[in-house]
């Protein structure tokens, strides 16, 4: 049986977990619908937003350092949750 081919946007939004792509400056470049649903908004309203705006105030400063270290030496790791 041959499965239908999904387009990249369809596949991106078929992921059950919320996923965001963030550039090296910490700006959100793309999010899937489940990610937007976590924040109760649409995907287009999150594009261009500094990712630290989406992090709780109590962890924002630490997140900036974590993000900078990841940008310098990317490794696969679990996100806090």
PDB file of N, CA and C in Angstrom:
ATOM      1  N   UNK A   1       0.842  -1.174   0.000  1.00  0.00           N
ATOM      2  CA  UNK A   1       0.000   0.000   0.000  1.00  0.00           C
ATOM      3  C   UNK A   1       0.887   1.238   0.000  1.00  0.00           C
ATOM      4  N   UNK A   2       0.549   2.171  -0.811  1.00  0.00           N
ATOM      5  CA  UNK A   2       1.314   3.410  -0.918  1.00  0.00           C
ATOM      6  C   UNK A   2       0.612   4.513  -0.126  1.00  0.00           C
ATOM      7  N   UNK A   3       1.367   5.162   0.731  1.00  0.00           N
ATOM      8  CA  UNK A   3       0.817   6.255   1.535  1.00  0.00           C
ATOM      9  C   UNK A   3       0.884   7.556   0.748  1.00  0.00           C
ATOM     10  N   UNK A   4      -0.065   8.447   0.990  1.00  0.00           N
ATOM     11  CA  UNK A   4      -0.019   9.736   0.292  1.00  0.00           C
ATOM     12  C   UNK A   4       1.176  10.562   0.761  1.00  0.00           C
ATOM     13  N   UNK A   5       1.715  11.347  -0.135  1.00  0.00           N
ATOM     14  CA  UNK A   5       2.821  12.231   0.190  1.00  0.00           C
ATOM     15  C   UNK A   5       2.243  13.500   0.823  1.00  0.00           C
ATOM     16  N   UNK A   6       2.817  13.882   1.956  1.00  0.00           N
ATOM     17  CA  UNK A   6       2.364  15.100   2.629  1.00  0.00           C
ATOM     18  C   UNK A   6       3.289  16.251   2.258  1.00  0.00           C
ATOM     19  N   UNK A   7       2.718  17.421   2.121  1.00  0.00           N
ATOM     20  CA  UNK A   7       3.542  18.605   1.899  1.00  0.00           C
ATOM     21  C   UNK A   7       4.250  18.952   3.211  1.00  0.00           C
ATOM     22  N   UNK A   8       5.315  19.714   3.117  1.00  0.00           N
ATOM     23  CA  UNK A   8       6.056  20.112   4.318  1.00  0.00           C
ATOM     24  C   UNK A   8       5.162  20.850   5.318  1.00  0.00           C
ATOM     25  N   UNK A   9       4.323  21.817   4.883  1.00  0.00           N
ATOM     26  CA  UNK A   9       3.449  22.481   5.860  1.00  0.00           C
ATOM     27  C   UNK A   9       2.454  21.525   6.507  1.00  0.00           C
ATOM     28  N   UNK A  10       1.922  20.576   5.742  1.00  0.00           N
ATOM     29  CA  UNK A  10       0.990  19.607   6.327  1.00  0.00           C
ATOM     30  C   UNK A  10       1.700  18.731   7.356  1.00  0.00           C
ATOM     31  N   UNK A  11       2.895  18.297   7.028  1.00  0.00           N
ATOM     32  CA  UNK A  11       3.670  17.478   7.955  1.00  0.00           C
ATOM     33  C   UNK A  11       4.010  18.275   9.214  1.00  0.00           C
ATOM     34  N   UNK A  12       4.433  19.501   9.043  1.00  0.00           N
ATOM     35  CA  UNK A  12       4.781  20.410  10.154  1.00  0.00           C
ATOM     36  C   UNK A  12       3.615  20.539  11.125  1.00  0.00           C
ATOM     37  N   UNK A  13       2.414  20.715  10.596  1.00  0.00           N
ATOM     38  CA  UNK A  13       1.250  20.891  11.456  1.00  0.00           C
ATOM     39  C   UNK A  13       0.648  19.577  11.930  1.00  0.00           C
ATOM     40  N   UNK A  14       1.090  18.454  11.375  1.00  0.00           N
ATOM     41  CA  UNK A  14       0.618  17.145  11.818  1.00  0.00           C
ATOM     42  C   UNK A  14       1.342  16.677  13.081  1.00  0.00           C
ATOM     43  N   UNK A  15       2.447  17.322  13.418  1.00  0.00           N
ATOM     44  CA  UNK A  15       3.176  16.988  14.641  1.00  0.00           C
ATOM     45  C   UNK A  15       2.286  17.351  15.826  1.00  0.00           C
ATOM     46  N   UNK A  16       2.068  16.399  16.731  1.00  0.00           N
ATOM     47  CA  UNK A  16       1.188  16.636  17.877  1.00  0.00           C
ATOM     48  C   UNK A  16       1.743  17.640  18.876  1.00  0.00           C
ATOM     49  N   UNK A  17       3.056  17.652  19.010  1.00  0.00           N
ATOM     50  CA  UNK A  17       3.691  18.555  19.974  1.00  0.00           C
ATOM     51  C   UNK A  17       3.880  19.937  19.369  1.00  0.00           C
ATOM     52  N   UNK A  18       3.870  20.937  20.224  1.00  0.00           N
ATOM     53  CA  UNK A  18       4.164  22.286  19.773  1.00  0.00           C
ATOM     54  C   UNK A  18       5.639  22.419  19.444  1.00  0.00           C
ATOM     55  N   UNK A  19       5.929  22.940  18.254  1.00  0.00           N
ATOM     56  CA  UNK A  19       7.312  23.095  17.804  1.00  0.00           C
ATOM     57  C   UNK A  19       7.511  24.505  17.275  1.00  0.00           C
ATOM     58  N   UNK A  20       8.631  25.115  17.654  1.00  0.00           N
ATOM     59  CA  UNK A  20       8.982  26.446  17.159  1.00  0.00           C
ATOM     60  C   UNK A  20      10.398  26.405  16.597  1.00  0.00           C
ATOM     61  N   UNK A  21      10.615  27.126  15.524  1.00  0.00           N
ATOM     62  CA  UNK A  21      11.959  27.336  14.990  1.00  0.00           C
ATOM     63  C   UNK A  21      12.373  28.746  15.375  1.00  0.00           C
ATOM     64  N   UNK A  22      13.557  28.854  15.955  1.00  0.00           N
ATOM     65  CA  UNK A  22      14.054  30.137  16.451  1.00  0.00           C
ATOM     66  C   UNK A  22      15.424  30.372  15.832  1.00  0.00           C
ATOM     67  N   UNK A  23      15.664  31.589  15.351  1.00  0.00           N
ATOM     68  CA  UNK A  23      16.970  31.870  14.741  1.00  0.00           C
ATOM     69  C   UNK A  23      18.028  32.138  15.817  1.00  0.00           C
ATOM     70  N   UNK A  24      19.249  32.364  15.397  1.00  0.00           N
ATOM     71  CA  UNK A  24      20.363  32.572  16.314  1.00  0.00           C
ATOM     72  C   UNK A  24      20.240  33.800  17.185  1.00  0.00           C
ATOM     73  N   UNK A  25      19.380  34.728  16.801  1.00  0.00           N
ATOM     74  CA  UNK A  25      19.150  35.925  17.603  1.00  0.00           C
ATOM     75  C   UNK A  25      17.992  35.756  18.568  1.00  0.00           C
ATOM     76  N   UNK A  26      17.375  34.553  18.559  1.00  0.00           N
ATOM     77  CA  UNK A  26      16.273  34.297  19.481  1.00  0.00           C
ATOM     78  C   UNK A  26      14.932  34.774  18.983  1.00  0.00           C
ATOM     79  N   UNK A  27      14.805  34.968  17.682  1.00  0.00           N
ATOM     80  CA  UNK A  27      13.538  35.430  17.102  1.00  0.00           C
ATOM     81  C   UNK A  27      12.812  34.229  16.495  1.00  0.00           C
ATOM     82  N   UNK A  28      11.533  34.101  16.794  1.00  0.00           N
ATOM     83  CA  UNK A  28      10.723  32.998  16.286  1.00  0.00           C
ATOM     84  C   UNK A  28      10.549  33.155  14.779  1.00  0.00           C
ATOM     85  N   UNK A  29      10.942  32.109  14.036  1.00  0.00           N
ATOM     86  CA  UNK A  29      10.852  32.110  12.573  1.00  0.00           C
ATOM     87  C   UNK A  29       9.645  31.336  12.071  1.00  0.00           C
ATOM     88  N   UNK A  30       9.251  30.299  12.799  1.00  0.00           N
ATOM     89  CA  UNK A  30       8.114  29.487  12.393  1.00  0.00           C
ATOM     90  C   UNK A  30       7.624  28.702  13.601  1.00  0.00           C
ATOM     91  N   UNK A  31       6.330  28.470  13.662  1.00  0.00           N
ATOM     92  CA  UNK A  31       5.729  27.626  14.696  1.00  0.00           C
ATOM     93  C   UNK A  31       4.652  26.777  14.037  1.00  0.00           C
ATOM     94  N   UNK A  32       4.380  25.623  14.639  1.00  0.00           N
ATOM     95  CA  UNK A  32       3.262  24.839  14.133  1.00  0.00           C
ATOM     96  C   UNK A  32       1.993  25.196  14.917  1.00  0.00           C
ATOM     97  N   UNK A  33       0.857  24.719  14.435  1.00  0.00           N
ATOM     98  CA  UNK A  33      -0.427  25.063  15.063  1.00  0.00           C
ATOM     99  C   UNK A  33      -0.511  24.620  16.525  1.00  0.00           C
ATOM    100  N   UNK A  34      -0.027  23.411  16.860  1.00  0.00           N
ATOM    101  CA  UNK A  34      -0.073  23.036  18.276  1.00  0.00           C
ATOM    102  C   UNK A  34       0.715  23.989  19.182  1.00  0.00           C
ATOM    103  N   UNK A  35       1.825  24.533  18.691  1.00  0.00           N
ATOM    104  CA  UNK A  35       2.590  25.504  19.479  1.00  0.00           C
ATOM    105  C   UNK A  35       1.764  26.760  19.693  1.00  0.00           C
ATOM    106  N   UNK A  36       1.155  27.261  18.632  1.00  0.00           N
ATOM    107  CA  UNK A  36       0.318  28.459  18.748  1.00  0.00           C
ATOM    108  C   UNK A  36      -0.845  28.226  19.703  1.00  0.00           C
ATOM    109  N   UNK A  37      -1.399  27.020  19.676  1.00  0.00           N
ATOM    110  CA  UNK A  37      -2.533  26.708  20.559  1.00  0.00           C
ATOM    111  C   UNK A  37      -2.132  26.787  22.029  1.00  0.00           C
ATOM    112  N   UNK A  38      -0.883  26.437  22.350  1.00  0.00           N
ATOM    113  CA  UNK A  38      -0.399  26.534  23.729  1.00  0.00           C
ATOM    114  C   UNK A  38      -0.533  27.968  24.230  1.00  0.00           C
ATOM    115  N   UNK A  39      -0.294  28.936  23.331  1.00  0.00           N
ATOM    116  CA  UNK A  39      -0.347  30.347  23.700  1.00  0.00           C
ATOM    117  C   UNK A  39      -1.686  30.992  23.364  1.00  0.00           C
ATOM    118  N   UNK A  40      -2.628  30.197  22.841  1.00  0.00           N
ATOM    119  CA  UNK A  40      -3.964  30.702  22.558  1.00  0.00           C
ATOM    120  C   UNK A  40      -3.994  31.744  21.461  1.00  0.00           C
ATOM    121  N   UNK A  41      -3.143  31.576  20.449  1.00  0.00           N
ATOM    122  CA  UNK A  41      -3.074  32.549  19.370  1.00  0.00           C
ATOM    123  C   UNK A  41      -2.861  31.842  18.042  1.00  0.00           C
ATOM    124  N   UNK A  42      -2.714  32.606  16.994  1.00  0.00           N
ATOM    125  CA  UNK A  42      -2.462  32.034  15.669  1.00  0.00           C
ATOM    126  C   UNK A  42      -0.956  31.989  15.410  1.00  0.00           C
ATOM    127  N   UNK A  43      -0.564  31.159  14.462  1.00  0.00           N
ATOM    128  CA  UNK A  43       0.856  31.020  14.153  1.00  0.00           C
ATOM    129  C   UNK A  43       1.468  32.336  13.690  1.00  0.00           C
ATOM    130  N   UNK A  44       0.733  33.093  12.877  1.00  0.00           N
ATOM    131  CA  UNK A  44       1.307  34.325  12.320  1.00  0.00           C
ATOM    132  C   UNK A  44       1.591  35.381  13.382  1.00  0.00           C
ATOM    133  N   UNK A  45       0.905  35.335  14.513  1.00  0.00           N
ATOM    134  CA  UNK A  45       1.153  36.326  15.567  1.00  0.00           C
ATOM    135  C   UNK A  45       2.404  36.011  16.376  1.00  0.00           C
ATOM    136  N   UNK A  46       2.944  34.801  16.229  1.00  0.00           N
ATOM    137  CA  UNK A  46       4.154  34.436  16.962  1.00  0.00           C
ATOM    138  C   UNK A  46       5.418  34.617  16.140  1.00  0.00           C
ATOM    139  N   UNK A  47       5.285  34.705  14.819  1.00  0.00           N
ATOM    140  CA  UNK A  47       6.441  34.891  13.950  1.00  0.00           C
ATOM    141  C   UNK A  47       7.027  36.287  14.189  1.00  0.00           C
ATOM    142  N   UNK A  48       8.335  36.342  14.402  1.00  0.00           N
ATOM    143  CA  UNK A  48       9.011  37.622  14.637  1.00  0.00           C
ATOM    144  C   UNK A  48       9.092  38.029  16.095  1.00  0.00           C
ATOM    145  N   UNK A  49       8.496  37.245  16.979  1.00  0.00           N
ATOM    146  CA  UNK A  49       8.500  37.550  18.406  1.00  0.00           C
ATOM    147  C   UNK A  49       9.784  36.998  19.034  1.00  0.00           C
ATOM    148  N   UNK A  50      10.437  37.749  19.902  1.00  0.00           N
ATOM    149  CA  UNK A  50      11.587  37.183  20.621  1.00  0.00           C
ATOM    150  C   UNK A  50      11.125  35.993  21.462  1.00  0.00           C
ATOM    151  N   UNK A  51      11.828  34.879  21.359  1.00  0.00           N
ATOM    152  CA  UNK A  51      11.401  33.670  22.063  1.00  0.00           C
ATOM    153  C   UNK A  51      11.329  33.907  23.566  1.00  0.00           C
ATOM    154  N   UNK A  52      12.162  34.775  24.094  1.00  0.00           N
ATOM    155  CA  UNK A  52      12.114  35.046  25.534  1.00  0.00           C
ATOM    156  C   UNK A  52      10.794  35.679  25.960  1.00  0.00           C
ATOM    157  N   UNK A  53      10.060  36.281  25.035  1.00  0.00           N
ATOM    158  CA  UNK A  53       8.733  36.797  25.377  1.00  0.00           C
ATOM    159  C   UNK A  53       7.762  35.669  25.684  1.00  0.00           C
ATOM    160  N   UNK A  54       8.098  34.452  25.279  1.00  0.00           N
ATOM    161  CA  UNK A  54       7.218  33.301  25.476  1.00  0.00           C
ATOM    162  C   UNK A  54       7.629  32.458  26.675  1.00  0.00           C
ATOM    163  N   UNK A  55       8.696  32.876  27.348  1.00  0.00           N
ATOM    164  CA  UNK A  55       9.224  32.156  28.500  1.00  0.00           C
ATOM    165  C   UNK A  55       8.779  32.889  29.763  1.00  0.00           C
ATOM    166  N   UNK A  56       8.467  32.139  30.807  1.00  0.00           N
ATOM    167  CA  UNK A  56       8.033  32.755  32.066  1.00  0.00           C
ATOM    168  C   UNK A  56       9.098  33.724  32.578  1.00  0.00           C
ATOM    169  N   UNK A  57       8.638  34.827  33.158  1.00  0.00           N
ATOM    170  CA  UNK A  57       9.540  35.867  33.661  1.00  0.00           C
ATOM    171  C   UNK A  57      10.629  35.308  34.579  1.00  0.00           C
ATOM    172  N   UNK A  58      10.277  34.337  35.410  1.00  0.00           N
ATOM    173  CA  UNK A  58      11.233  33.824  36.398  1.00  0.00           C
ATOM    174  C   UNK A  58      12.387  33.052  35.764  1.00  0.00           C
ATOM    175  N   UNK A  59      12.230  32.611  34.520  1.00  0.00           N
ATOM    176  CA  UNK A  59      13.302  31.850  33.864  1.00  0.00           C
ATOM    177  C   UNK A  59      13.874  32.558  32.642  1.00  0.00           C
ATOM    178  N   UNK A  60      13.402  33.757  32.373  1.00  0.00           N
ATOM    179  CA  UNK A  60      13.804  34.466  31.150  1.00  0.00           C
ATOM    180  C   UNK A  60      15.307  34.698  31.072  1.00  0.00           C
ATOM    181  N   UNK A  61      15.900  35.198  32.119  1.00  0.00           N
ATOM    182  CA  UNK A  61      17.333  35.501  32.101  1.00  0.00           C
ATOM    183  C   UNK A  61      18.162  34.234  31.874  1.00  0.00           C
ATOM    184  N   UNK A  62      17.802  33.158  32.577  1.00  0.00           N
ATOM    185  CA  UNK A  62      18.518  31.895  32.396  1.00  0.00           C
ATOM    186  C   UNK A  62      18.328  31.369  30.969  1.00  0.00           C
ATOM    187  N   UNK A  63      17.134  31.541  30.424  1.00  0.00           N
ATOM    188  CA  UNK A  63      16.847  31.051  29.076  1.00  0.00           C
ATOM    189  C   UNK A  63      17.734  31.735  28.038  1.00  0.00           C
ATOM    190  N   UNK A  64      17.968  33.013  28.204  1.00  0.00           N
ATOM    191  CA  UNK A  64      18.833  33.742  27.265  1.00  0.00           C
ATOM    192  C   UNK A  64      20.223  33.099  27.245  1.00  0.00           C
ATOM    193  N   UNK A  65      20.770  32.821  28.422  1.00  0.00           N
ATOM    194  CA  UNK A  65      22.076  32.165  28.499  1.00  0.00           C
ATOM    195  C   UNK A  65      22.045  30.767  27.904  1.00  0.00           C
ATOM    196  N   UNK A  66      20.994  29.996  28.212  1.00  0.00           N
ATOM    197  CA  UNK A  66      20.865  28.644  27.648  1.00  0.00           C
ATOM    198  C   UNK A  66      20.799  28.701  26.128  1.00  0.00           C
ATOM    199  N   UNK A  67      20.027  29.638  25.609  1.00  0.00           N
ATOM    200  CA  UNK A  67      19.877  29.769  24.152  1.00  0.00           C
ATOM    201  C   UNK A  67      21.207  30.153  23.505  1.00  0.00           C
ATOM    202  N   UNK A  68      21.923  31.081  24.122  1.00  0.00           N
ATOM    203  CA  UNK A  68      23.228  31.486  23.571  1.00  0.00           C
ATOM    204  C   UNK A  68      24.227  30.333  23.569  1.00  0.00           C
ATOM    205  N   UNK A  69      24.242  29.534  24.657  1.00  0.00           N
ATOM    206  CA  UNK A  69      25.141  28.376  24.700  1.00  0.00           C
ATOM    207  C   UNK A  69      24.746  27.347  23.644  1.00  0.00           C
ATOM    208  N   UNK A  70      23.455  27.137  23.446  1.00  0.00           N
ATOM    209  CA  UNK A  70      23.000  26.194  22.431  1.00  0.00           C
ATOM    210  C   UNK A  70      23.401  26.660  21.035  1.00  0.00           C
ATOM    211  N   UNK A  71      23.280  27.961  20.782  1.00  0.00           N
ATOM    212  CA  UNK A  71      23.652  28.506  19.469  1.00  0.00           C
ATOM    213  C   UNK A  71      25.136  28.270  19.192  1.00  0.00           C
ATOM    214  N   UNK A  72      25.964  28.396  20.219  1.00  0.00           N
ATOM    215  CA  UNK A  72      27.403  28.175  20.068  1.00  0.00           C
ATOM    216  C   UNK A  72      27.765  26.710  19.905  1.00  0.00           C
ATOM    217  N   UNK A  73      27.051  25.821  20.575  1.00  0.00           N
ATOM    218  CA  UNK A  73      27.357  24.383  20.539  1.00  0.00           C
ATOM    219  C   UNK A  73      26.057  23.595  20.587  1.00  0.00           C
ATOM    220  N   UNK A  74      25.349  23.502  19.448  1.00  0.00           N
ATOM    221  CA  UNK A  74      24.052  22.813  19.456  1.00  0.00           C
ATOM    222  C   UNK A  74      24.165  21.322  19.766  1.00  0.00           C
ATOM    223  N   UNK A  75      23.347  20.889  20.685  1.00  0.00           N
ATOM    224  CA  UNK A  75      23.218  19.468  21.004  1.00  0.00           C
ATOM    225  C   UNK A  75      21.726  19.177  21.185  1.00  0.00           C
ATOM    226  N   UNK A  76      21.353  17.942  20.952  1.00  0.00           N
ATOM    227  CA  UNK A  76      19.962  17.557  21.150  1.00  0.00           C
ATOM    228  C   UNK A  76      19.707  17.423  22.645  1.00  0.00           C
ATOM    229  N   UNK A  77      18.631  18.051  23.119  1.00  0.00           N
ATOM    230  CA  UNK A  77      18.294  17.955  24.534  1.00  0.00           C
ATOM    231  C   UNK A  77      16.793  18.132  24.706  1.00  0.00           C
ATOM    232  N   UNK A  78      16.305  17.655  25.817  1.00  0.00           N
ATOM    233  CA  UNK A  78      14.885  17.802  26.130  1.00  0.00           C
ATOM    234  C   UNK A  78      14.607  19.224  26.579  1.00  0.00           C
ATOM    235  N   UNK A  79      13.438  19.722  26.221  1.00  0.00           N
ATOM    236  CA  UNK A  79      13.012  21.027  26.701  1.00  0.00           C
ATOM    237  C   UNK A  79      12.359  20.868  28.057  1.00  0.00           C
ATOM    238  N   UNK A  80      12.414  21.908  28.870  1.00  0.00           N
ATOM    239  CA  UNK A  80      11.752  21.877  30.171  1.00  0.00           C
ATOM    240  C   UNK A  80      10.251  21.792  29.969  1.00  0.00           C
ATOM    241  N   UNK A  81       9.576  21.207  30.884  1.00  0.00           N
ATOM    242  CA  UNK A  81       8.129  21.107  30.695  1.00  0.00           C
ATOM    243  C   UNK A  81       7.364  20.781  31.904  1.00  0.00           C
TER     244      UNK A  81
END
